[in-house]
């Protein structure tokens, strides 16, 4: 089983945008930063960095309101 995805950054990538893209939650960037100690923690990443994006198990993934049935949403 794959424990991470490998990506190459493009100009303007940010930690929070990567977390949004891969986890659906921009505040979940910490696992990505932890998996990539070779990358400096800067607001905007340069292009060309090889990053490991950890694959999180279902239990640790956030539950998004859009994924809930209508009767469980905060409407």
PDB file of N, CA and C in Angstrom:
ATOM      1  N   UNK A   1       0.835  -1.186   0.000  1.00  0.00           N
ATOM      2  CA  UNK A   1       0.000   0.000   0.000  1.00  0.00           C
ATOM      3  C   UNK A   1       0.880   1.249   0.000  1.00  0.00           C
ATOM      4  N   UNK A   2       0.515   2.236  -0.773  1.00  0.00           N
ATOM      5  CA  UNK A   2       1.280   3.473  -0.857  1.00  0.00           C
ATOM      6  C   UNK A   2       1.064   4.306   0.401  1.00  0.00           C
ATOM      7  N   UNK A   3       2.158   4.774   0.970  1.00  0.00           N
ATOM      8  CA  UNK A   3       2.043   5.594   2.171  1.00  0.00           C
ATOM      9  C   UNK A   3       2.132   7.083   1.859  1.00  0.00           C
ATOM     10  N   UNK A   4       2.538   7.405   0.626  1.00  0.00           N
ATOM     11  CA  UNK A   4       2.600   8.814   0.234  1.00  0.00           C
ATOM     12  C   UNK A   4       2.557   8.944  -1.291  1.00  0.00           C
ATOM     13  N   UNK A   5       2.172  10.113  -1.719  1.00  0.00           N
ATOM     14  CA  UNK A   5       2.217  10.471  -3.136  1.00  0.00           C
ATOM     15  C   UNK A   5       3.431  11.356  -3.339  1.00  0.00           C
ATOM     16  N   UNK A   6       4.052  11.271  -4.491  1.00  0.00           N
ATOM     17  CA  UNK A   6       5.156  12.174  -4.801  1.00  0.00           C
ATOM     18  C   UNK A   6       4.681  13.190  -5.813  1.00  0.00           C
ATOM     19  N   UNK A   7       4.943  14.453  -5.514  1.00  0.00           N
ATOM     20  CA  UNK A   7       4.582  15.528  -6.430  1.00  0.00           C
ATOM     21  C   UNK A   7       5.788  16.436  -6.620  1.00  0.00           C
ATOM     22  N   UNK A   8       5.727  17.258  -7.633  1.00  0.00           N
ATOM     23  CA  UNK A   8       6.735  18.297  -7.866  1.00  0.00           C
ATOM     24  C   UNK A   8       5.987  19.617  -7.835  1.00  0.00           C
ATOM     25  N   UNK A   9       6.475  20.537  -7.016  1.00  0.00           N
ATOM     26  CA  UNK A   9       5.775  21.810  -6.866  1.00  0.00           C
ATOM     27  C   UNK A   9       5.873  22.663  -8.121  1.00  0.00           C
ATOM     28  N   UNK A  10       4.884  23.522  -8.281  1.00  0.00           N
ATOM     29  CA  UNK A  10       4.892  24.535  -9.330  1.00  0.00           C
ATOM     30  C   UNK A  10       4.988  25.889  -8.650  1.00  0.00           C
ATOM     31  N   UNK A  11       5.337  26.894  -9.405  1.00  0.00           N
ATOM     32  CA  UNK A  11       5.499  28.233  -8.845  1.00  0.00           C
ATOM     33  C   UNK A  11       4.212  28.679  -8.164  1.00  0.00           C
ATOM     34  N   UNK A  12       4.333  29.174  -6.944  1.00  0.00           N
ATOM     35  CA  UNK A  12       3.191  29.712  -6.222  1.00  0.00           C
ATOM     36  C   UNK A  12       2.476  28.726  -5.317  1.00  0.00           C
ATOM     37  N   UNK A  13       2.940  27.476  -5.253  1.00  0.00           N
ATOM     38  CA  UNK A  13       2.315  26.497  -4.360  1.00  0.00           C
ATOM     39  C   UNK A  13       2.496  26.961  -2.918  1.00  0.00           C
ATOM     40  N   UNK A  14       1.500  26.638  -2.111  1.00  0.00           N
ATOM     41  CA  UNK A  14       1.552  26.949  -0.677  1.00  0.00           C
ATOM     42  C   UNK A  14       1.179  25.693   0.101  1.00  0.00           C
ATOM     43  N   UNK A  15       1.657  25.619   1.339  1.00  0.00           N
ATOM     44  CA  UNK A  15       1.372  24.466   2.187  1.00  0.00           C
ATOM     45  C   UNK A  15      -0.131  24.280   2.368  1.00  0.00           C
ATOM     46  N   UNK A  16      -0.839  25.369   2.623  1.00  0.00           N
ATOM     47  CA  UNK A  16      -2.285  25.251   2.867  1.00  0.00           C
ATOM     48  C   UNK A  16      -3.038  24.842   1.608  1.00  0.00           C
ATOM     49  N   UNK A  17      -2.574  25.277   0.447  1.00  0.00           N
ATOM     50  CA  UNK A  17      -3.234  24.878  -0.797  1.00  0.00           C
ATOM     51  C   UNK A  17      -3.004  23.395  -1.090  1.00  0.00           C
ATOM     52  N   UNK A  18      -1.828  22.900  -0.765  1.00  0.00           N
ATOM     53  CA  UNK A  18      -1.568  21.471  -0.920  1.00  0.00           C
ATOM     54  C   UNK A  18      -2.468  20.658   0.009  1.00  0.00           C
ATOM     55  N   UNK A  19      -2.609  21.120   1.249  1.00  0.00           N
ATOM     56  CA  UNK A  19      -3.493  20.428   2.195  1.00  0.00           C
ATOM     57  C   UNK A  19      -4.934  20.445   1.697  1.00  0.00           C
ATOM     58  N   UNK A  20      -5.376  21.552   1.145  1.00  0.00           N
ATOM     59  CA  UNK A  20      -6.727  21.637   0.593  1.00  0.00           C
ATOM     60  C   UNK A  20      -6.900  20.660  -0.576  1.00  0.00           C
ATOM     61  N   UNK A  21      -5.923  20.639  -1.459  1.00  0.00           N
ATOM     62  CA  UNK A  21      -6.011  19.785  -2.637  1.00  0.00           C
ATOM     63  C   UNK A  21      -6.033  18.301  -2.273  1.00  0.00           C
ATOM     64  N   UNK A  22      -5.174  17.895  -1.348  1.00  0.00           N
ATOM     65  CA  UNK A  22      -5.035  16.471  -1.062  1.00  0.00           C
ATOM     66  C   UNK A  22      -5.863  15.973   0.122  1.00  0.00           C
ATOM     67  N   UNK A  23      -6.233  16.880   1.051  1.00  0.00           N
ATOM     68  CA  UNK A  23      -6.988  16.453   2.232  1.00  0.00           C
ATOM     69  C   UNK A  23      -8.357  17.113   2.349  1.00  0.00           C
ATOM     70  N   UNK A  24      -8.601  18.131   1.536  1.00  0.00           N
ATOM     71  CA  UNK A  24      -9.882  18.820   1.626  1.00  0.00           C
ATOM     72  C   UNK A  24      -9.977  19.775   2.794  1.00  0.00           C
ATOM     73  N   UNK A  25      -8.851  20.083   3.424  1.00  0.00           N
ATOM     74  CA  UNK A  25      -8.830  20.962   4.593  1.00  0.00           C
ATOM     75  C   UNK A  25      -7.510  21.740   4.596  1.00  0.00           C
ATOM     76  N   UNK A  26      -7.565  23.050   4.394  1.00  0.00           N
ATOM     77  CA  UNK A  26      -6.317  23.819   4.319  1.00  0.00           C
ATOM     78  C   UNK A  26      -5.545  23.890   5.630  1.00  0.00           C
ATOM     79  N   UNK A  27      -6.160  23.537   6.739  1.00  0.00           N
ATOM     80  CA  UNK A  27      -5.455  23.583   8.021  1.00  0.00           C
ATOM     81  C   UNK A  27      -4.691  22.293   8.320  1.00  0.00           C
ATOM     82  N   UNK A  28      -4.770  21.292   7.458  1.00  0.00           N
ATOM     83  CA  UNK A  28      -4.114  19.998   7.689  1.00  0.00           C
ATOM     84  C   UNK A  28      -2.748  19.912   6.995  1.00  0.00           C
ATOM     85  N   UNK A  29      -2.019  21.008   6.940  1.00  0.00           N
ATOM     86  CA  UNK A  29      -0.733  21.033   6.247  1.00  0.00           C
ATOM     87  C   UNK A  29       0.399  20.408   7.062  1.00  0.00           C
ATOM     88  N   UNK A  30       0.219  20.213   8.355  1.00  0.00           N
ATOM     89  CA  UNK A  30       1.302  19.713   9.203  1.00  0.00           C
ATOM     90  C   UNK A  30       1.844  18.352   8.753  1.00  0.00           C
ATOM     91  N   UNK A  31       1.013  17.364   8.377  1.00  0.00           N
ATOM     92  CA  UNK A  31       1.599  16.098   7.912  1.00  0.00           C
ATOM     93  C   UNK A  31       2.480  16.271   6.671  1.00  0.00           C
ATOM     94  N   UNK A  32       2.147  17.222   5.828  1.00  0.00           N
ATOM     95  CA  UNK A  32       2.939  17.455   4.617  1.00  0.00           C
ATOM     96  C   UNK A  32       4.288  18.078   4.988  1.00  0.00           C
ATOM     97  N   UNK A  33       4.269  19.051   5.874  1.00  0.00           N
ATOM     98  CA  UNK A  33       5.518  19.686   6.317  1.00  0.00           C
ATOM     99  C   UNK A  33       6.409  18.662   7.024  1.00  0.00           C
ATOM    100  N   UNK A  34       5.821  17.850   7.891  1.00  0.00           N
ATOM    101  CA  UNK A  34       6.587  16.852   8.635  1.00  0.00           C
ATOM    102  C   UNK A  34       7.237  15.826   7.705  1.00  0.00           C
ATOM    103  N   UNK A  35       6.547  15.469   6.636  1.00  0.00           N
ATOM    104  CA  UNK A  35       7.069  14.471   5.694  1.00  0.00           C
ATOM    105  C   UNK A  35       8.154  15.023   4.772  1.00  0.00           C
ATOM    106  N   UNK A  36       8.372  16.337   4.813  1.00  0.00           N
ATOM    107  CA  UNK A  36       9.319  16.972   3.902  1.00  0.00           C
ATOM    108  C   UNK A  36      10.293  17.888   4.644  1.00  0.00           C
ATOM    109  N   UNK A  37      11.118  17.321   5.529  1.00  0.00           N
ATOM    110  CA  UNK A  37      12.040  18.165   6.297  1.00  0.00           C
ATOM    111  C   UNK A  37      13.100  18.856   5.437  1.00  0.00           C
ATOM    112  N   UNK A  38      13.296  18.413   4.214  1.00  0.00           N
ATOM    113  CA  UNK A  38      14.288  19.001   3.315  1.00  0.00           C
ATOM    114  C   UNK A  38      13.798  20.301   2.668  1.00  0.00           C
ATOM    115  N   UNK A  39      12.519  20.620   2.837  1.00  0.00           N
ATOM    116  CA  UNK A  39      11.945  21.818   2.211  1.00  0.00           C
ATOM    117  C   UNK A  39      11.829  22.919   3.256  1.00  0.00           C
ATOM    118  N   UNK A  40      12.320  24.118   2.964  1.00  0.00           N
ATOM    119  CA  UNK A  40      12.198  25.209   3.937  1.00  0.00           C
ATOM    120  C   UNK A  40      10.738  25.602   4.139  1.00  0.00           C
ATOM    121  N   UNK A  41      10.408  25.973   5.364  1.00  0.00           N
ATOM    122  CA  UNK A  41       9.044  26.395   5.672  1.00  0.00           C
ATOM    123  C   UNK A  41       8.937  27.881   5.335  1.00  0.00           C
ATOM    124  N   UNK A  42       8.439  28.124   4.147  1.00  0.00           N
ATOM    125  CA  UNK A  42       8.263  29.482   3.638  1.00  0.00           C
ATOM    126  C   UNK A  42       6.807  29.639   3.204  1.00  0.00           C
ATOM    127  N   UNK A  43       6.302  30.873   3.130  1.00  0.00           N
ATOM    128  CA  UNK A  43       4.902  31.056   2.749  1.00  0.00           C
ATOM    129  C   UNK A  43       4.557  30.539   1.349  1.00  0.00           C
ATOM    130  N   UNK A  44       5.459  30.763   0.383  1.00  0.00           N
ATOM    131  CA  UNK A  44       5.214  30.325  -0.993  1.00  0.00           C
ATOM    132  C   UNK A  44       6.396  29.469  -1.434  1.00  0.00           C
ATOM    133  N   UNK A  45       6.088  28.254  -1.896  1.00  0.00           N
ATOM    134  CA  UNK A  45       7.134  27.325  -2.308  1.00  0.00           C
ATOM    135  C   UNK A  45       7.620  27.625  -3.722  1.00  0.00           C
ATOM    136  N   UNK A  46       8.876  27.374  -3.964  1.00  0.00           N
ATOM    137  CA  UNK A  46       9.429  27.518  -5.305  1.00  0.00           C
ATOM    138  C   UNK A  46       9.034  26.316  -6.144  1.00  0.00           C
ATOM    139  N   UNK A  47       9.087  26.469  -7.427  1.00  0.00           N
ATOM    140  CA  UNK A  47       8.790  25.333  -8.305  1.00  0.00           C
ATOM    141  C   UNK A  47       9.961  24.362  -8.313  1.00  0.00           C
ATOM    142  N   UNK A  48       9.649  23.093  -8.554  1.00  0.00           N
ATOM    143  CA  UNK A  48      10.682  22.084  -8.679  1.00  0.00           C
ATOM    144  C   UNK A  48      10.998  21.275  -7.440  1.00  0.00           C
ATOM    145  N   UNK A  49      10.400  21.592  -6.288  1.00  0.00           N
ATOM    146  CA  UNK A  49      10.641  20.802  -5.088  1.00  0.00           C
ATOM    147  C   UNK A  49       9.876  19.491  -5.196  1.00  0.00           C
ATOM    148  N   UNK A  50      10.548  18.382  -4.888  1.00  0.00           N
ATOM    149  CA  UNK A  50       9.873  17.079  -4.814  1.00  0.00           C
ATOM    150  C   UNK A  50       9.323  16.922  -3.398  1.00  0.00           C
ATOM    151  N   UNK A  51       8.020  16.726  -3.314  1.00  0.00           N
ATOM    152  CA  UNK A  51       7.374  16.596  -2.013  1.00  0.00           C
ATOM    153  C   UNK A  51       6.704  15.240  -1.882  1.00  0.00           C
ATOM    154  N   UNK A  52       6.696  14.728  -0.661  1.00  0.00           N
ATOM    155  CA  UNK A  52       5.932  13.533  -0.318  1.00  0.00           C
ATOM    156  C   UNK A  52       4.653  14.006   0.364  1.00  0.00           C
ATOM    157  N   UNK A  53       3.517  13.584  -0.162  1.00  0.00           N
ATOM    158  CA  UNK A  53       2.223  13.906   0.444  1.00  0.00           C
ATOM    159  C   UNK A  53       1.734  12.630   1.121  1.00  0.00           C
ATOM    160  N   UNK A  54       1.749  12.581   2.464  1.00  0.00           N
ATOM    161  CA  UNK A  54       1.325  11.361   3.149  1.00  0.00           C
ATOM    162  C   UNK A  54      -0.135  11.019   2.835  1.00  0.00           C
ATOM    163  N   UNK A  55      -0.378   9.729   2.642  1.00  0.00           N
ATOM    164  CA  UNK A  55      -1.739   9.256   2.458  1.00  0.00           C
ATOM    165  C   UNK A  55      -2.281   8.997   3.863  1.00  0.00           C
ATOM    166  N   UNK A  56      -3.312   9.737   4.227  1.00  0.00           N
ATOM    167  CA  UNK A  56      -3.896   9.602   5.557  1.00  0.00           C
ATOM    168  C   UNK A  56      -5.012   8.567   5.530  1.00  0.00           C
ATOM    169  N   UNK A  57      -5.144   7.832   6.612  1.00  0.00           N
ATOM    170  CA  UNK A  57      -6.231   6.856   6.684  1.00  0.00           C
ATOM    171  C   UNK A  57      -7.565   7.576   6.862  1.00  0.00           C
ATOM    172  N   UNK A  58      -8.638   6.874   6.615  1.00  0.00           N
ATOM    173  CA  UNK A  58      -9.981   7.459   6.664  1.00  0.00           C
ATOM    174  C   UNK A  58     -10.313   8.041   8.034  1.00  0.00           C
ATOM    175  N   UNK A  59      -9.850   7.401   9.106  1.00  0.00           N
ATOM    176  CA  UNK A  59     -10.174   7.882  10.446  1.00  0.00           C
ATOM    177  C   UNK A  59      -9.572   9.255  10.723  1.00  0.00           C
ATOM    178  N   UNK A  60      -8.412   9.547  10.127  1.00  0.00           N
ATOM    179  CA  UNK A  60      -7.766  10.825  10.390  1.00  0.00           C
ATOM    180  C   UNK A  60      -8.171  11.903   9.389  1.00  0.00           C
ATOM    181  N   UNK A  61      -8.923  11.527   8.369  1.00  0.00           N
ATOM    182  CA  UNK A  61      -9.359  12.503   7.372  1.00  0.00           C
ATOM    183  C   UNK A  61     -10.521  13.317   7.924  1.00  0.00           C
ATOM    184  N   UNK A  62     -10.572  14.600   7.607  1.00  0.00           N
ATOM    185  CA  UNK A  62     -11.671  15.424   8.103  1.00  0.00           C
ATOM    186  C   UNK A  62     -12.991  15.047   7.425  1.00  0.00           C
ATOM    187  N   UNK A  63     -14.065  15.256   8.149  1.00  0.00           N
ATOM    188  CA  UNK A  63     -15.392  15.053   7.572  1.00  0.00           C
ATOM    189  C   UNK A  63     -15.875  16.414   7.088  1.00  0.00           C
ATOM    190  N   UNK A  64     -16.083  16.527   5.804  1.00  0.00           N
ATOM    191  CA  UNK A  64     -16.532  17.784   5.228  1.00  0.00           C
ATOM    192  C   UNK A  64     -18.051  17.829   5.229  1.00  0.00           C
ATOM    193  N   UNK A  65     -18.600  18.982   5.490  1.00  0.00           N
ATOM    194  CA  UNK A  65     -20.051  19.131   5.539  1.00  0.00           C
ATOM    195  C   UNK A  65     -20.701  18.683   4.238  1.00  0.00           C
ATOM    196  N   UNK A  66     -20.041  18.925   3.114  1.00  0.00           N
ATOM    197  CA  UNK A  66     -20.602  18.533   1.817  1.00  0.00           C
ATOM    198  C   UNK A  66     -20.702  17.017   1.677  1.00  0.00           C
ATOM    199  N   UNK A  67     -19.920  16.265   2.464  1.00  0.00           N
ATOM    200  CA  UNK A  67     -19.960  14.805   2.409  1.00  0.00           C
ATOM    201  C   UNK A  67     -21.074  14.213   3.268  1.00  0.00           C
ATOM    202  N   UNK A  68     -21.667  15.028   4.129  1.00  0.00           N
ATOM    203  CA  UNK A  68     -22.713  14.552   5.022  1.00  0.00           C
ATOM    204  C   UNK A  68     -24.069  14.531   4.321  1.00  0.00           C
ATOM    205  N   UNK A  69     -24.960  13.644   4.770  1.00  0.00           N
ATOM    206  CA  UNK A  69     -26.307  13.685   4.230  1.00  0.00           C
ATOM    207  C   UNK A  69     -27.005  14.971   4.671  1.00  0.00           C
ATOM    208  N   UNK A  70     -28.027  15.417   3.949  1.00  0.00           N
ATOM    209  CA  UNK A  70     -28.669  16.698   4.257  1.00  0.00           C
ATOM    210  C   UNK A  70     -29.131  16.850   5.702  1.00  0.00           C
ATOM    211  N   UNK A  71     -29.623  15.784   6.327  1.00  0.00           N
ATOM    212  CA  UNK A  71     -30.145  15.898   7.665  1.00  0.00           C
ATOM    213  C   UNK A  71     -29.066  16.044   8.746  1.00  0.00           C
ATOM    214  N   UNK A  72     -27.791  15.807   8.356  1.00  0.00           N
ATOM    215  CA  UNK A  72     -26.695  15.979   9.315  1.00  0.00           C
ATOM    216  C   UNK A  72     -25.909  17.275   9.085  1.00  0.00           C
ATOM    217  N   UNK A  73     -26.252  18.004   8.066  1.00  0.00           N
ATOM    218  CA  UNK A  73     -25.553  19.275   7.798  1.00  0.00           C
ATOM    219  C   UNK A  73     -26.091  20.345   8.724  1.00  0.00           C
ATOM    220  N   UNK A  74     -25.274  21.341   9.003  1.00  0.00           N
ATOM    221  CA  UNK A  74     -25.666  22.441   9.887  1.00  0.00           C
ATOM    222  C   UNK A  74     -26.542  23.467   9.194  1.00  0.00           C
ATOM    223  N   UNK A  75     -27.586  23.029   8.567  1.00  0.00           N
ATOM    224  CA  UNK A  75     -28.487  23.959   7.850  1.00  0.00           C
ATOM    225  C   UNK A  75     -29.557  24.498   8.756  1.00  0.00           C
TER     226      UNK A  75
END
